[in-house]
Amino acid sequence: MTTSTTSVSLSKKADTPIVLTDNAIIKVAELIATEAAEEILALRVAVKPGGCSGFNYDMFFDSEFAADDIVKEFGTVKVVTDAASAELLNGSTLDFQDGLQGAGFHITNPNATRTCGCGNSFS
């Protein structure tokens, strides 16, 4: 096991830290509809310390927003990112793929200098 330092290349800050592909928008909208919540839900995309490469992606539905959150709409889907995560996600794309190998969301992050084998951790 090797020890490594965590480094992330931060590019110029964008107004929209992460964009969703059409497939991701459709799937997130479907998932929100199944929640049948009385409150308005948004997809929160965050970056947390951890994982084998230094950072983990975290996605969940949220109805509470902080004053410094970045909120963007993609059709009927709202995406929320906290300010710290926005810097690490800047220029990223969230996609959803459904194929023979399984279905799932995938983030393509141009700021990641290294990812782990599972694809959920990066540095």
Protein backbone atom coordinates (compact mmCIF):
# COMPACT_ATOMS: atom_id res chain seq x y z
CA MET A 1 0.00 0.00 0.00
CA THR A 2 1.44 3.34 -1.01
CA THR A 3 0.82 6.66 0.64
CA SER A 4 -0.05 9.55 -1.62
CA THR A 5 -0.83 13.20 -1.23
CA THR A 6 -4.14 14.57 -2.38
CA SER A 7 -4.03 17.11 -5.17
CA VAL A 8 -6.83 18.53 -7.23
CA SER A 9 -6.32 20.90 -10.12
CA LEU A 10 -8.77 23.78 -9.80
CA SER A 11 -9.66 25.48 -13.05
CA LYS A 12 -11.36 28.87 -13.41
CA LYS A 13 -14.65 28.87 -11.48
CA ALA A 14 -17.73 28.37 -13.63
CA ASP A 15 -21.27 29.58 -12.95
CA THR A 16 -22.47 25.99 -13.16
CA PRO A 17 -20.08 23.63 -11.35
CA ILE A 18 -21.74 20.51 -12.79
CA VAL A 19 -23.98 19.96 -15.79
CA LEU A 20 -26.36 17.07 -16.37
CA THR A 21 -26.70 15.12 -19.59
CA ASP A 22 -30.19 14.54 -20.97
CA ASN A 23 -30.10 10.94 -19.65
CA ALA A 24 -29.21 12.17 -16.15
CA ILE A 25 -31.98 14.80 -16.19
CA ILE A 26 -34.57 12.19 -17.16
CA LYS A 27 -33.43 9.70 -14.49
CA VAL A 28 -33.18 12.29 -11.70
CA ALA A 29 -36.67 13.59 -12.58
CA GLU A 30 -38.01 10.01 -12.43
CA LEU A 31 -36.38 9.41 -9.03
CA ILE A 32 -37.70 12.67 -7.59
CA ALA A 33 -41.21 11.79 -8.82
CA THR A 34 -41.08 8.47 -6.97
CA GLU A 35 -40.21 10.22 -3.71
CA ALA A 36 -43.74 11.75 -3.66
CA ALA A 37 -42.59 14.29 -1.09
CA GLU A 38 -44.63 17.33 -0.19
CA GLU A 39 -41.48 19.42 -0.19
CA ILE A 40 -39.55 20.50 -3.25
CA LEU A 41 -36.54 18.26 -3.73
CA ALA A 42 -33.29 19.01 -5.49
CA LEU A 43 -30.35 16.78 -6.31
CA ARG A 44 -27.46 17.78 -4.09
CA VAL A 45 -24.05 16.93 -5.55
CA ALA A 46 -21.20 17.24 -3.07
CA VAL A 47 -17.59 16.26 -2.57
CA LYS A 48 -16.52 14.82 0.78
CA PRO A 49 -13.05 13.95 2.06
CA GLY A 50 -12.43 10.20 2.02
CA GLY A 51 -12.06 7.22 -0.23
CA CYS A 52 -8.87 5.65 -1.44
CA SER A 53 -7.97 8.64 -3.65
CA GLY A 54 -8.80 11.52 -1.29
CA PHE A 55 -12.34 12.66 -2.15
CA ASN A 56 -15.71 10.93 -2.64
CA TYR A 57 -18.73 12.11 -4.59
CA ASP A 58 -21.96 12.32 -2.64
CA MET A 59 -25.41 12.66 -4.24
CA PHE A 60 -28.73 12.79 -2.47
CA PHE A 61 -32.08 14.57 -2.57
CA ASP A 62 -32.30 17.65 -0.39
CA SER A 63 -34.96 20.20 0.43
CA GLU A 64 -32.80 22.56 2.49
CA PHE A 65 -30.45 25.09 0.94
CA ALA A 66 -27.73 27.28 2.45
CA ALA A 67 -27.26 30.92 1.48
CA ASP A 68 -24.02 30.15 -0.37
CA ASP A 69 -25.33 27.08 -2.25
CA ILE A 70 -25.25 27.20 -6.03
CA VAL A 71 -28.63 26.17 -7.44
CA LYS A 72 -29.05 25.45 -11.16
CA GLU A 73 -32.05 24.14 -13.05
CA PHE A 74 -31.92 21.59 -15.84
CA GLY A 75 -35.46 21.33 -17.15
CA THR A 76 -37.55 20.39 -14.12
CA VAL A 77 -34.53 19.21 -12.12
CA LYS A 78 -32.79 21.47 -9.61
CA VAL A 79 -29.16 20.70 -8.79
CA VAL A 80 -27.59 22.14 -5.62
CA THR A 81 -23.88 22.32 -4.86
CA ASP A 82 -22.23 23.81 -1.79
CA ALA A 83 -19.49 26.39 -2.41
CA ALA A 84 -16.58 24.13 -1.38
CA SER A 85 -17.77 21.24 -3.56
CA ALA A 86 -18.39 23.61 -6.47
CA GLU A 87 -14.68 24.37 -6.66
CA LEU A 88 -13.84 20.66 -6.88
CA LEU A 89 -16.64 19.92 -9.35
CA ASN A 90 -16.06 22.91 -11.63
CA GLY A 91 -16.64 21.84 -15.25
CA SER A 92 -17.93 18.35 -14.34
CA THR A 93 -20.67 16.41 -16.10
CA LEU A 94 -23.14 14.00 -14.49
CA ASP A 95 -24.39 11.26 -16.78
CA PHE A 96 -26.69 8.27 -16.34
CA GLN A 97 -26.10 5.09 -18.27
CA ASP A 98 -28.25 1.98 -18.42
CA GLY A 99 -26.65 -0.99 -20.13
CA LEU A 100 -25.83 -4.67 -19.93
CA GLN A 101 -23.17 -4.03 -17.27
CA GLY A 102 -25.73 -2.28 -15.05
CA ALA A 103 -27.18 1.17 -14.56
CA GLY A 104 -25.81 4.11 -12.69
CA PHE A 105 -24.67 7.69 -12.52
CA HIS A 106 -21.15 8.69 -13.51
CA ILE A 107 -19.35 11.98 -12.95
CA THR A 108 -16.70 13.11 -15.42
CA ASN A 109 -14.54 15.63 -13.57
CA PRO A 110 -11.81 17.50 -15.46
CA ASN A 111 -10.25 18.55 -12.14
CA ALA A 112 -9.53 14.99 -11.02
CA THR A 113 -5.87 14.16 -11.46
CA ARG A 114 -6.39 10.54 -10.36
CA THR A 115 -9.35 8.22 -9.75
CA CYS A 116 -9.63 4.86 -8.06
CA GLY A 117 -10.83 1.63 -9.64
CA CYS A 118 -14.37 1.97 -8.31
CA GLY A 119 -14.79 5.41 -9.89
CA ASN A 120 -16.27 6.94 -6.73
CA SER A 121 -13.06 8.41 -5.37
CA PHE A 122 -10.70 10.94 -6.90
CA SER A 123 -7.88 13.34 -6.16
